[in-house]
Amino acid sequence: RGVAPGDTGWPENGYRGDYIADVAKAYLAGDSVTVEDHTVIG
């Protein structure tokens, strides 16, 4: 949603690492992720 750590609306117990931004970016781009034999598409 464009909310970063420290912004209003950031979850109280949210994970603050930059890797979360990478996950969100891949999700919004519709990337596909395969783990074992299971594929999930953003």
Full PDB file with SEQRES, HELIX, SHEET, SSBOND, CRYST1, ORIGX, SCALE, CONECT and MASTER records, all heavy atoms in Angstrom:
SEQRES   1 A   42  ARG GLY VAL ALA PRO GLY ASP THR GLY TRP PRO GLU ASN          
SEQRES   2 A   42  GLY TYR ARG GLY ASP TYR ILE ALA ASP VAL ALA LYS ALA          
SEQRES   3 A   42  TYR LEU ALA GLY ASP SER VAL THR VAL GLU ASP HIS THR          
SEQRES   4 A   42  VAL ILE GLY                                                  
HELIX    1 AA1 ASP A   18  LEU A   28  1                                  11    
SHEET    1 AA1 2 SER A  32  VAL A  35  0                                        
SHEET    2 AA1 2 HIS A  38  ILE A  41 -1                                        
CRYST1    1.000    1.000    1.000  90.00  90.00  90.00 P 1           1          
ORIGX1      1.000000  0.000000  0.000000        0.00000                         
ORIGX2      0.000000  1.000000  0.000000        0.00000                         
ORIGX3      0.000000  0.000000  1.000000        0.00000                         
SCALE1      1.000000  0.000000  0.000000        0.00000                         
SCALE2      0.000000  1.000000  0.000000        0.00000                         
SCALE3      0.000000  0.000000  1.000000        0.00000                         
ATOM      1  N   ARG A   1       0.812  -1.216   0.000  1.00  0.00           N  
ATOM      2  CA  ARG A   1       0.000   0.000   0.000  1.00  0.00           C  
ATOM      3  C   ARG A   1       0.849   1.271   0.000  1.00  0.00           C  
ATOM      4  O   ARG A   1       0.318   2.381  -0.018  1.00  0.00           O  
ATOM      5  CB  ARG A   1      -0.916   0.010   1.229  1.00  0.00           C  
ATOM      6  CG  ARG A   1      -2.044  -1.007   1.192  1.00  0.00           C  
ATOM      7  CD  ARG A   1      -2.740  -1.063   2.540  1.00  0.00           C  
ATOM      8  NE  ARG A   1      -3.968  -1.865   2.510  1.00  0.00           N  
ATOM      9  CZ  ARG A   1      -4.657  -2.196   3.596  1.00  0.00           C  
ATOM     10  NH1 ARG A   1      -4.220  -1.812   4.809  1.00  0.00           N  
ATOM     11  NH2 ARG A   1      -5.762  -2.919   3.486  1.00  0.00           N  
ATOM     12  N   GLY A   2       2.163   1.105   0.069  1.00  0.00           N  
ATOM     13  CA  GLY A   2       3.043   2.262   0.080  1.00  0.00           C  
ATOM     14  C   GLY A   2       3.358   2.785   1.462  1.00  0.00           C  
ATOM     15  O   GLY A   2       3.917   3.875   1.599  1.00  0.00           O  
ATOM     16  N   VAL A   3       3.020   2.006   2.496  1.00  0.00           N  
ATOM     17  CA  VAL A   3       3.283   2.411   3.885  1.00  0.00           C  
ATOM     18  C   VAL A   3       4.613   1.811   4.325  1.00  0.00           C  
ATOM     19  O   VAL A   3       4.830   0.610   4.175  1.00  0.00           O  
ATOM     20  CB  VAL A   3       2.151   1.944   4.825  1.00  0.00           C  
ATOM     21  CG1 VAL A   3       2.454   2.358   6.264  1.00  0.00           C  
ATOM     22  CG2 VAL A   3       0.812   2.508   4.361  1.00  0.00           C  
ATOM     23  N   ALA A   4       5.504   2.637   4.853  1.00  0.00           N  
ATOM     24  CA  ALA A   4       6.823   2.195   5.292  1.00  0.00           C  
ATOM     25  C   ALA A   4       6.907   2.234   6.813  1.00  0.00           C  
ATOM     26  O   ALA A   4       6.108   2.909   7.472  1.00  0.00           O  
ATOM     27  CB  ALA A   4       7.909   3.080   4.681  1.00  0.00           C  
ATOM     28  N   PRO A   5       7.875   1.514   7.390  1.00  0.00           N  
ATOM     29  CA  PRO A   5       8.049   1.567   8.842  1.00  0.00           C  
ATOM     30  C   PRO A   5       8.201   3.016   9.323  1.00  0.00           C  
ATOM     31  O   PRO A   5       8.947   3.792   8.737  1.00  0.00           O  
ATOM     32  CB  PRO A   5       9.337   0.760   9.066  1.00  0.00           C  
ATOM     33  CG  PRO A   5       9.387  -0.189   7.921  1.00  0.00           C  
ATOM     34  CD  PRO A   5       8.826   0.559   6.766  1.00  0.00           C  
ATOM     35  N   GLY A   6       7.477   3.342  10.377  1.00  0.00           N  
ATOM     36  CA  GLY A   6       7.505   4.710  10.896  1.00  0.00           C  
ATOM     37  C   GLY A   6       6.371   5.569  10.387  1.00  0.00           C  
ATOM     38  O   GLY A   6       6.037   6.588  11.001  1.00  0.00           O  
ATOM     39  N   ASP A   7       5.747   5.170   9.245  1.00  0.00           N  
ATOM     40  CA  ASP A   7       4.616   5.921   8.717  1.00  0.00           C  
ATOM     41  C   ASP A   7       3.357   5.623   9.520  1.00  0.00           C  
ATOM     42  O   ASP A   7       3.237   4.589  10.171  1.00  0.00           O  
ATOM     43  CB  ASP A   7       4.351   5.548   7.245  1.00  0.00           C  
ATOM     44  CG  ASP A   7       5.459   5.999   6.323  1.00  0.00           C  
ATOM     45  OD1 ASP A   7       6.327   6.780   6.778  1.00  0.00           O  
ATOM     46  OD2 ASP A   7       5.469   5.550   5.157  1.00  0.00           O  
ATOM     47  N   THR A   8       2.409   6.520   9.448  1.00  0.00           N  
ATOM     48  CA  THR A   8       1.099   6.273  10.035  1.00  0.00           C  
ATOM     49  C   THR A   8       0.454   5.088   9.319  1.00  0.00           C  
ATOM     50  O   THR A   8       0.460   5.011   8.088  1.00  0.00           O  
ATOM     51  CB  THR A   8       0.195   7.508   9.883  1.00  0.00           C  
ATOM     52  OG1 THR A   8       0.817   8.612  10.534  1.00  0.00           O  
ATOM     53  CG2 THR A   8      -1.173   7.263  10.497  1.00  0.00           C  
ATOM     54  N   GLY A   9      -0.070   4.169  10.101  1.00  0.00           N  
ATOM     55  CA  GLY A   9      -0.687   2.983   9.509  1.00  0.00           C  
ATOM     56  C   GLY A   9       0.219   1.776   9.459  1.00  0.00           C  
ATOM     57  O   GLY A   9      -0.227   0.688   9.063  1.00  0.00           O  
ATOM     58  N   TRP A  10       1.503   1.956   9.865  1.00  0.00           N  
ATOM     59  CA  TRP A  10       2.382   0.783   9.896  1.00  0.00           C  
ATOM     60  C   TRP A  10       1.975  -0.132  11.046  1.00  0.00           C  
ATOM     61  O   TRP A  10       1.745   0.342  12.160  1.00  0.00           O  
ATOM     62  CB  TRP A  10       3.840   1.213  10.061  1.00  0.00           C  
ATOM     63  CG  TRP A  10       4.782   0.041  10.069  1.00  0.00           C  
ATOM     64  CD1 TRP A  10       5.380  -0.518  11.139  1.00  0.00           C  
ATOM     65  CD2 TRP A  10       5.189  -0.743   8.941  1.00  0.00           C  
ATOM     66  NE1 TRP A  10       6.136  -1.605  10.766  1.00  0.00           N  
ATOM     67  CE2 TRP A  10       6.039  -1.771   9.415  1.00  0.00           C  
ATOM     68  CE3 TRP A  10       4.900  -0.683   7.575  1.00  0.00           C  
ATOM     69  CZ2 TRP A  10       6.613  -2.714   8.582  1.00  0.00           C  
ATOM     70  CZ3 TRP A  10       5.478  -1.642   6.741  1.00  0.00           C  
ATOM     71  CH2 TRP A  10       6.313  -2.631   7.232  1.00  0.00           C  
ATOM     72  N   PRO A  11       1.864  -1.459  10.795  1.00  0.00           N  
ATOM     73  CA  PRO A  11       1.419  -2.386  11.848  1.00  0.00           C  
ATOM     74  C   PRO A  11       2.332  -2.316  13.083  1.00  0.00           C  
ATOM     75  O   PRO A  11       3.555  -2.200  12.957  1.00  0.00           O  
ATOM     76  CB  PRO A  11       1.509  -3.755  11.180  1.00  0.00           C  
ATOM     77  CG  PRO A  11       1.488  -3.483   9.716  1.00  0.00           C  
ATOM     78  CD  PRO A  11       2.127  -2.157   9.519  1.00  0.00           C  
ATOM     79  N   GLU A  12       1.712  -2.408  14.248  1.00  0.00           N  
ATOM     80  CA  GLU A  12       2.453  -2.278  15.500  1.00  0.00           C  
ATOM     81  C   GLU A  12       3.563  -3.315  15.621  1.00  0.00           C  
ATOM     82  O   GLU A  12       4.664  -3.007  16.085  1.00  0.00           O  
ATOM     83  CB  GLU A  12       1.487  -2.426  16.688  1.00  0.00           C  
ATOM     84  CG  GLU A  12       2.174  -2.297  18.033  1.00  0.00           C  
ATOM     85  CD  GLU A  12       1.194  -2.443  19.192  1.00  0.00           C  
ATOM     86  OE1 GLU A  12      -0.019  -2.576  18.933  1.00  0.00           O  
ATOM     87  OE2 GLU A  12       1.645  -2.415  20.355  1.00  0.00           O  
ATOM     88  N   ASN A  13       3.292  -4.552  15.207  1.00  0.00           N  
ATOM     89  CA  ASN A  13       4.283  -5.621  15.297  1.00  0.00           C  
ATOM     90  C   ASN A  13       4.808  -6.034  13.925  1.00  0.00           C  
ATOM     91  O   ASN A  13       5.217  -7.168  13.709  1.00  0.00           O  
ATOM     92  CB  ASN A  13       3.673  -6.843  15.996  1.00  0.00           C  
ATOM     93  CG  ASN A  13       3.295  -6.545  17.433  1.00  0.00           C  
ATOM     94  OD1 ASN A  13       4.080  -5.963  18.181  1.00  0.00           O  
ATOM     95  ND2 ASN A  13       2.078  -6.928  17.824  1.00  0.00           N  
ATOM     96  N   GLY A  14       4.812  -5.092  12.995  1.00  0.00           N  
ATOM     97  CA  GLY A  14       5.232  -5.394  11.632  1.00  0.00           C  
ATOM     98  C   GLY A  14       6.724  -5.650  11.515  1.00  0.00           C  
ATOM     99  O   GLY A  14       7.522  -5.167  12.321  1.00  0.00           O  
ATOM    100  N   TYR A  15       7.100  -6.446  10.504  1.00  0.00           N  
ATOM    101  CA  TYR A  15       8.508  -6.724  10.222  1.00  0.00           C  
ATOM    102  C   TYR A  15       9.088  -5.555   9.429  1.00  0.00           C  
ATOM    103  O   TYR A  15       8.555  -5.182   8.384  1.00  0.00           O  
ATOM    104  CB  TYR A  15       8.651  -8.038   9.452  1.00  0.00           C  
ATOM    105  CG  TYR A  15       8.236  -9.249  10.253  1.00  0.00           C  
ATOM    106  CD1 TYR A  15       7.016  -9.892  10.025  1.00  0.00           C  
ATOM    107  CD2 TYR A  15       9.054  -9.750  11.255  1.00  0.00           C  
ATOM    108  CE1 TYR A  15       6.633 -11.003  10.774  1.00  0.00           C  
ATOM    109  CE2 TYR A  15       8.680 -10.862  12.015  1.00  0.00           C  
ATOM    110  CZ  TYR A  15       7.472 -11.468  11.762  1.00  0.00           C  
ATOM    111  OH  TYR A  15       7.094 -12.556  12.508  1.00  0.00           O  
ATOM    112  N   ARG A  16      10.202  -5.000   9.909  1.00  0.00           N  
ATOM    113  CA  ARG A  16      10.691  -3.727   9.384  1.00  0.00           C  
ATOM    114  C   ARG A  16      11.823  -3.859   8.373  1.00  0.00           C  
ATOM    115  O   ARG A  16      12.268  -2.862   7.798  1.00  0.00           O  
ATOM    116  CB  ARG A  16      11.164  -2.865  10.560  1.00  0.00           C  
ATOM    117  CG  ARG A  16      10.111  -2.707  11.653  1.00  0.00           C  
ATOM    118  CD  ARG A  16      10.661  -1.989  12.869  1.00  0.00           C  
ATOM    119  NE  ARG A  16      10.868  -0.575  12.611  1.00  0.00           N  
ATOM    120  CZ  ARG A  16       9.938   0.366  12.765  1.00  0.00           C  
ATOM    121  NH1 ARG A  16       8.705   0.030  13.145  1.00  0.00           N  
ATOM    122  NH2 ARG A  16      10.202   1.627  12.509  1.00  0.00           N  
ATOM    123  N   GLY A  17      12.324  -5.055   8.144  1.00  0.00           N  
ATOM    124  CA  GLY A  17      13.449  -5.227   7.232  1.00  0.00           C  
ATOM    125  C   GLY A  17      13.114  -4.855   5.794  1.00  0.00           C  
ATOM    126  O   GLY A  17      11.953  -4.916   5.355  1.00  0.00           O  
ATOM    127  N   ASP A  18      14.145  -4.480   5.036  1.00  0.00           N  
ATOM    128  CA  ASP A  18      13.949  -4.111   3.634  1.00  0.00           C  
ATOM    129  C   ASP A  18      13.429  -5.273   2.796  1.00  0.00           C  
ATOM    130  O   ASP A  18      12.832  -5.067   1.725  1.00  0.00           O  
ATOM    131  CB  ASP A  18      15.269  -3.620   3.032  1.00  0.00           C  
ATOM    132  CG  ASP A  18      15.690  -2.257   3.575  1.00  0.00           C  
ATOM    133  OD1 ASP A  18      14.835  -1.574   4.182  1.00  0.00           O  
ATOM    134  OD2 ASP A  18      16.866  -1.882   3.397  1.00  0.00           O  
ATOM    135  N   TYR A  19      13.652  -6.506   3.279  1.00  0.00           N  
ATOM    136  CA  TYR A  19      13.201  -7.661   2.503  1.00  0.00           C  
ATOM    137  C   TYR A  19      11.684  -7.681   2.338  1.00  0.00           C  
ATOM    138  O   TYR A  19      11.164  -8.233   1.364  1.00  0.00           O  
ATOM    139  CB  TYR A  19      13.683  -8.970   3.148  1.00  0.00           C  
ATOM    140  CG  TYR A  19      13.074  -9.278   4.489  1.00  0.00           C  
ATOM    141  CD1 TYR A  19      11.911 -10.033   4.592  1.00  0.00           C  
ATOM    142  CD2 TYR A  19      13.651  -8.823   5.673  1.00  0.00           C  
ATOM    143  CE1 TYR A  19      11.339 -10.322   5.821  1.00  0.00           C  
ATOM    144  CE2 TYR A  19      13.095  -9.108   6.910  1.00  0.00           C  
ATOM    145  CZ  TYR A  19      11.932  -9.852   6.978  1.00  0.00           C  
ATOM    146  OH  TYR A  19      11.367 -10.133   8.201  1.00  0.00           O  
ATOM    147  N   ILE A  20      10.954  -7.074   3.285  1.00  0.00           N  
ATOM    148  CA  ILE A  20       9.488  -7.008   3.167  1.00  0.00           C  
ATOM    149  C   ILE A  20       9.098  -6.185   1.941  1.00  0.00           C  
ATOM    150  O   ILE A  20       8.147  -6.510   1.219  1.00  0.00           O  
ATOM    151  CB  ILE A  20       8.857  -6.424   4.442  1.00  0.00           C  
ATOM    152  CG1 ILE A  20       9.094  -7.365   5.637  1.00  0.00           C  
ATOM    153  CG2 ILE A  20       7.359  -6.194   4.255  1.00  0.00           C  
ATOM    154  CD1 ILE A  20       8.398  -8.705   5.529  1.00  0.00           C  
ATOM    155  N   ALA A  21       9.844  -5.105   1.691  1.00  0.00           N  
ATOM    156  CA  ALA A  21       9.588  -4.297   0.499  1.00  0.00           C  
ATOM    157  C   ALA A  21       9.830  -5.118  -0.763  1.00  0.00           C  
ATOM    158  O   ALA A  21       9.093  -4.975  -1.760  1.00  0.00           O  
ATOM    159  CB  ALA A  21      10.470  -3.053   0.506  1.00  0.00           C  
ATOM    160  N   ASP A  22      10.840  -5.994  -0.739  1.00  0.00           N  
ATOM    161  CA  ASP A  22      11.112  -6.852  -1.892  1.00  0.00           C  
ATOM    162  C   ASP A  22       9.954  -7.819  -2.137  1.00  0.00           C  
ATOM    163  O   ASP A  22       9.569  -8.063  -3.291  1.00  0.00           O  
ATOM    164  CB  ASP A  22      12.398  -7.647  -1.667  1.00  0.00           C  
ATOM    165  CG  ASP A  22      13.631  -6.761  -1.562  1.00  0.00           C  
ATOM    166  OD1 ASP A  22      13.588  -5.638  -2.099  1.00  0.00           O  
ATOM    167  OD2 ASP A  22      14.622  -7.208  -0.953  1.00  0.00           O  
ATOM    168  N   VAL A  23       9.394  -8.376  -1.054  1.00  0.00           N  
ATOM    169  CA  VAL A  23       8.260  -9.296  -1.188  1.00  0.00           C  
ATOM    170  C   VAL A  23       7.068  -8.563  -1.790  1.00  0.00           C  
ATOM    171  O   VAL A  23       6.409  -9.064  -2.716  1.00  0.00           O  
ATOM    172  CB  VAL A  23       7.887  -9.909   0.178  1.00  0.00           C  
ATOM    173  CG1 VAL A  23       6.656 -10.820   0.031  1.00  0.00           C  
ATOM    174  CG2 VAL A  23       9.043 -10.687   0.770  1.00  0.00           C  
ATOM    175  N   ALA A  24       6.780  -7.372  -1.263  1.00  0.00           N  
ATOM    176  CA  ALA A  24       5.628  -6.600  -1.744  1.00  0.00           C  
ATOM    177  C   ALA A  24       5.789  -6.225  -3.222  1.00  0.00           C  
ATOM    178  O   ALA A  24       4.827  -6.297  -4.007  1.00  0.00           O  
ATOM    179  CB  ALA A  24       5.456  -5.350  -0.893  1.00  0.00           C  
ATOM    180  N   LYS A  25       6.998  -5.835  -3.586  1.00  0.00           N  
ATOM    181  CA  LYS A  25       7.256  -5.459  -4.978  1.00  0.00           C  
ATOM    182  C   LYS A  25       7.023  -6.646  -5.912  1.00  0.00           C  
ATOM    183  O   LYS A  25       6.401  -6.497  -6.989  1.00  0.00           O  
ATOM    184  CB  LYS A  25       8.699  -4.962  -5.109  1.00  0.00           C  
ATOM    185  CG  LYS A  25       9.080  -4.505  -6.516  1.00  0.00           C  
ATOM    186  CD  LYS A  25      10.514  -3.989  -6.540  1.00  0.00           C  
ATOM    187  CE  LYS A  25      10.911  -3.563  -7.958  1.00  0.00           C  
ATOM    188  NZ  LYS A  25      12.327  -3.079  -8.008  1.00  0.00           N  
ATOM    189  N   ALA A  26       7.501  -7.831  -5.528  1.00  0.00           N  
ATOM    190  CA  ALA A  26       7.315  -9.027  -6.348  1.00  0.00           C  
ATOM    191  C   ALA A  26       5.836  -9.401  -6.438  1.00  0.00           C  
ATOM    192  O   ALA A  26       5.352  -9.827  -7.497  1.00  0.00           O  
ATOM    193  CB  ALA A  26       8.126 -10.189  -5.767  1.00  0.00           C  
ATOM    194  N   TYR A  27       5.109  -9.234  -5.322  1.00  0.00           N  
ATOM    195  CA  TYR A  27       3.673  -9.540  -5.301  1.00  0.00           C  
ATOM    196  C   TYR A  27       2.914  -8.630  -6.254  1.00  0.00           C  
ATOM    197  O   TYR A  27       2.067  -9.086  -7.053  1.00  0.00           O  
ATOM    198  CB  TYR A  27       3.129  -9.391  -3.880  1.00  0.00           C  
ATOM    199  CG  TYR A  27       1.631  -9.502  -3.772  1.00  0.00           C  
ATOM    200  CD1 TYR A  27       1.003 -10.744  -3.775  1.00  0.00           C  
ATOM    201  CD2 TYR A  27       0.836  -8.355  -3.672  1.00  0.00           C  
ATOM    202  CE1 TYR A  27      -0.384 -10.844  -3.681  1.00  0.00           C  
ATOM    203  CE2 TYR A  27      -0.544  -8.445  -3.578  1.00  0.00           C  
ATOM    204  CZ  TYR A  27      -1.151  -9.691  -3.587  1.00  0.00           C  
ATOM    205  OH  TYR A  27      -2.528  -9.782  -3.495  1.00  0.00           O  
ATOM    206  N   LEU A  28       3.203  -7.345  -6.192  1.00  0.00           N  
ATOM    207  CA  LEU A  28       2.506  -6.375  -7.052  1.00  0.00           C  
ATOM    208  C   LEU A  28       2.867  -6.562  -8.528  1.00  0.00           C  
ATOM    209  O   LEU A  28       2.076  -6.212  -9.416  1.00  0.00           O  
ATOM    210  CB  LEU A  28       2.845  -4.958  -6.611  1.00  0.00           C  
ATOM    211  CG  LEU A  28       2.284  -4.529  -5.247  1.00  0.00           C  
ATOM    212  CD1 LEU A  28       2.828  -3.164  -4.853  1.00  0.00           C  
ATOM    213  CD2 LEU A  28       0.756  -4.523  -5.260  1.00  0.00           C  
ATOM    214  N   ALA A  29       4.064  -7.116  -8.784  1.00  0.00           N  
ATOM    215  CA  ALA A  29       4.489  -7.344 -10.166  1.00  0.00           C  
ATOM    216  C   ALA A  29       3.901  -8.626 -10.737  1.00  0.00           C  
ATOM    217  O   ALA A  29       4.058  -8.911 -11.928  1.00  0.00           O  
ATOM    218  CB  ALA A  29       6.009  -7.399 -10.238  1.00  0.00           C  
ATOM    219  N   GLY A  30       3.218  -9.410  -9.884  1.00  0.00           N  
ATOM    220  CA  GLY A  30       2.635 -10.665 -10.354  1.00  0.00           C  
ATOM    221  C   GLY A  30       3.651 -11.755 -10.574  1.00  0.00           C  
ATOM    222  O   GLY A  30       3.426 -12.673 -11.386  1.00  0.00           O  
ATOM    223  N   ASP A  31       4.771 -11.680  -9.856  1.00  0.00           N  
ATOM    224  CA  ASP A  31       5.803 -12.707 -10.001  1.00  0.00           C  
ATOM    225  C   ASP A  31       5.266 -14.064  -9.541  1.00  0.00           C  
ATOM    226  O   ASP A  31       4.331 -14.145  -8.732  1.00  0.00           O  
ATOM    227  CB  ASP A  31       7.029 -12.350  -9.154  1.00  0.00           C  
ATOM    228  CG  ASP A  31       7.809 -11.176  -9.744  1.00  0.00           C  
ATOM    229  OD1 ASP A  31       7.436 -10.717 -10.838  1.00  0.00           O  
ATOM    230  OD2 ASP A  31       8.772 -10.718  -9.086  1.00  0.00           O  
ATOM    231  N   SER A  32       5.892 -15.127 -10.052  1.00  0.00           N  
ATOM    232  CA  SER A  32       5.530 -16.480  -9.618  1.00  0.00           C  
ATOM    233  C   SER A  32       6.663 -17.043  -8.761  1.00  0.00           C  
ATOM    234  O   SER A  32       7.842 -16.812  -9.039  1.00  0.00           O  
ATOM    235  CB  SER A  32       5.261 -17.388 -10.820  1.00  0.00           C  
ATOM    236  OG  SER A  32       6.426 -17.538 -11.606  1.00  0.00           O  
ATOM    237  N   VAL A  33       6.273 -17.767  -7.730  1.00  0.00           N  
ATOM    238  CA  VAL A  33       7.243 -18.363  -6.815  1.00  0.00           C  
ATOM    239  C   VAL A  33       6.920 -19.852  -6.708  1.00  0.00           C  
ATOM    240  O   VAL A  33       5.784 -20.221  -6.396  1.00  0.00           O  
ATOM    241  CB  VAL A  33       7.176 -17.713  -5.420  1.00  0.00           C  
ATOM    242  CG1 VAL A  33       8.134 -18.422  -4.471  1.00  0.00           C  
ATOM    243  CG2 VAL A  33       7.493 -16.229  -5.498  1.00  0.00           C  
ATOM    244  N   THR A  34       7.919 -20.686  -6.937  1.00  0.00           N  
ATOM    245  CA  THR A  34       7.719 -22.136  -6.837  1.00  0.00           C  
ATOM    246  C   THR A  34       8.504 -22.672  -5.646  1.00  0.00           C  
ATOM    247  O   THR A  34       9.712 -22.446  -5.525  1.00  0.00           O  
ATOM    248  CB  THR A  34       8.173 -22.846  -8.116  1.00  0.00           C  
ATOM    249  OG1 THR A  34       7.409 -22.353  -9.225  1.00  0.00           O  
ATOM    250  CG2 THR A  34       7.977 -24.351  -7.997  1.00  0.00           C  
ATOM    251  N   VAL A  35       7.803 -23.370  -4.766  1.00  0.00           N  
ATOM    252  CA  VAL A  35       8.411 -24.022  -3.620  1.00  0.00           C  
ATOM    253  C   VAL A  35       7.982 -25.478  -3.654  1.00  0.00           C  
ATOM    254  O   VAL A  35       6.780 -25.770  -3.657  1.00  0.00           O  
ATOM    255  CB  VAL A  35       7.980 -23.367  -2.299  1.00  0.00           C  
ATOM    256  CG1 VAL A  35       8.651 -24.059  -1.121  1.00  0.00           C  
ATOM    257  CG2 VAL A  35       8.325 -21.885  -2.290  1.00  0.00           C  
ATOM    258  N   GLU A  36       8.971 -26.382  -3.673  1.00  0.00           N  
ATOM    259  CA  GLU A  36       8.697 -27.798  -3.904  1.00  0.00           C  
ATOM    260  C   GLU A  36       7.903 -27.912  -5.212  1.00  0.00           C  
ATOM    261  O   GLU A  36       8.342 -27.437  -6.246  1.00  0.00           O  
ATOM    262  CB  GLU A  36       7.971 -28.407  -2.706  1.00  0.00           C  
ATOM    263  CG  GLU A  36       8.823 -28.421  -1.421  1.00  0.00           C  
ATOM    264  CD  GLU A  36       8.111 -29.056  -0.252  1.00  0.00           C  
ATOM    265  OE1 GLU A  36       8.117 -30.291  -0.173  1.00  0.00           O  
ATOM    266  OE2 GLU A  36       7.563 -28.324   0.579  1.00  0.00           O  
ATOM    267  N   ASP A  37       6.700 -28.474  -5.184  1.00  0.00           N  
ATOM    268  CA  ASP A  37       5.923 -28.621  -6.425  1.00  0.00           C  
ATOM    269  C   ASP A  37       4.751 -27.646  -6.476  1.00  0.00           C  
ATOM    270  O   ASP A  37       3.811 -27.837  -7.260  1.00  0.00           O  
ATOM    271  CB  ASP A  37       5.394 -30.066  -6.536  1.00  0.00           C  
ATOM    272  CG  ASP A  37       6.508 -31.074  -6.638  1.00  0.00           C  
ATOM    273  OD1 ASP A  37       7.536 -30.746  -7.251  1.00  0.00           O  
ATOM    274  OD2 ASP A  37       6.365 -32.183  -6.088  1.00  0.00           O  
ATOM    275  N   HIS A  38       4.818 -26.605  -5.660  1.00  0.00           N  
ATOM    276  CA  HIS A  38       3.694 -25.684  -5.536  1.00  0.00           C  
ATOM    277  C   HIS A  38       4.105 -24.301  -6.027  1.00  0.00           C  
ATOM    278  O   HIS A  38       5.132 -23.768  -5.609  1.00  0.00           O  
ATOM    279  CB  HIS A  38       3.244 -25.615  -4.077  1.00  0.00           C  
ATOM    280  CG  HIS A  38       2.070 -24.726  -3.840  1.00  0.00           C  
ATOM    281  ND1 HIS A  38       0.850 -24.919  -4.439  1.00  0.00           N  
ATOM    282  CD2 HIS A  38       1.932 -23.608  -3.057  1.00  0.00           C  
ATOM    283  CE1 HIS A  38       0.010 -23.988  -4.040  1.00  0.00           C  
ATOM    284  NE2 HIS A  38       0.646 -23.176  -3.205  1.00  0.00           N  
ATOM    285  N   THR A  39       3.330 -23.715  -6.907  1.00  0.00           N  
ATOM    286  CA  THR A  39       3.624 -22.386  -7.453  1.00  0.00           C  
ATOM    287  C   THR A  39       2.561 -21.390  -6.993  1.00  0.00           C  
ATOM    288  O   THR A  39       1.368 -21.671  -7.062  1.00  0.00           O  
ATOM    289  CB  THR A  39       3.666 -22.407  -8.992  1.00  0.00           C  
ATOM    290  OG1 THR A  39       4.706 -23.294  -9.424  1.00  0.00           O  
ATOM    291  CG2 THR A  39       3.947 -21.012  -9.541  1.00  0.00           C  
ATOM    292  N   VAL A  40       3.031 -20.240  -6.520  1.00  0.00           N  
ATOM    293  CA  VAL A  40       2.143 -19.165  -6.090  1.00  0.00           C  
ATOM    294  C   VAL A  40       2.446 -17.938  -6.947  1.00  0.00           C  
ATOM    295  O   VAL A  40       3.611 -17.568  -7.117  1.00  0.00           O  
ATOM    296  CB  VAL A  40       2.351 -18.822  -4.598  1.00  0.00           C  
ATOM    297  CG1 VAL A  40       1.442 -17.667  -4.186  1.00  0.00           C  
ATOM    298  CG2 VAL A  40       2.093 -20.041  -3.726  1.00  0.00           C  
ATOM    299  N   ILE A  41       1.410 -17.311  -7.469  1.00  0.00           N  
ATOM    300  CA  ILE A  41       1.557 -16.137  -8.327  1.00  0.00           C  
ATOM    301  C   ILE A  41       1.003 -14.924  -7.604  1.00  0.00           C  
ATOM    302  O   ILE A  41      -0.086 -14.975  -7.015  1.00  0.00           O  
ATOM    303  CB  ILE A  41       0.827 -16.333  -9.669  1.00  0.00           C  
ATOM    304  CG1 ILE A  41       1.401 -17.549 -10.407  1.00  0.00           C  
ATOM    305  CG2 ILE A  41       0.936 -15.076 -10.535  1.00  0.00           C  
ATOM    306  CD1 ILE A  41       0.641 -17.907 -11.685  1.00  0.00           C  
ATOM    307  N   GLY A  42       1.757 -13.832  -7.616  1.00  0.00           N  
ATOM    308  CA  GLY A  42       1.309 -12.599  -6.984  1.00  0.00           C  
ATOM    309  C   GLY A  42       0.013 -12.092  -7.598  1.00  0.00           C  
ATOM    310  O   GLY A  42      -0.072 -11.952  -8.822  1.00  0.00           O  
TER     311      GLY A  42                                                      
MASTER        0    0    0    1    2    0    0    6  310    1    0    4          
END                                                                             
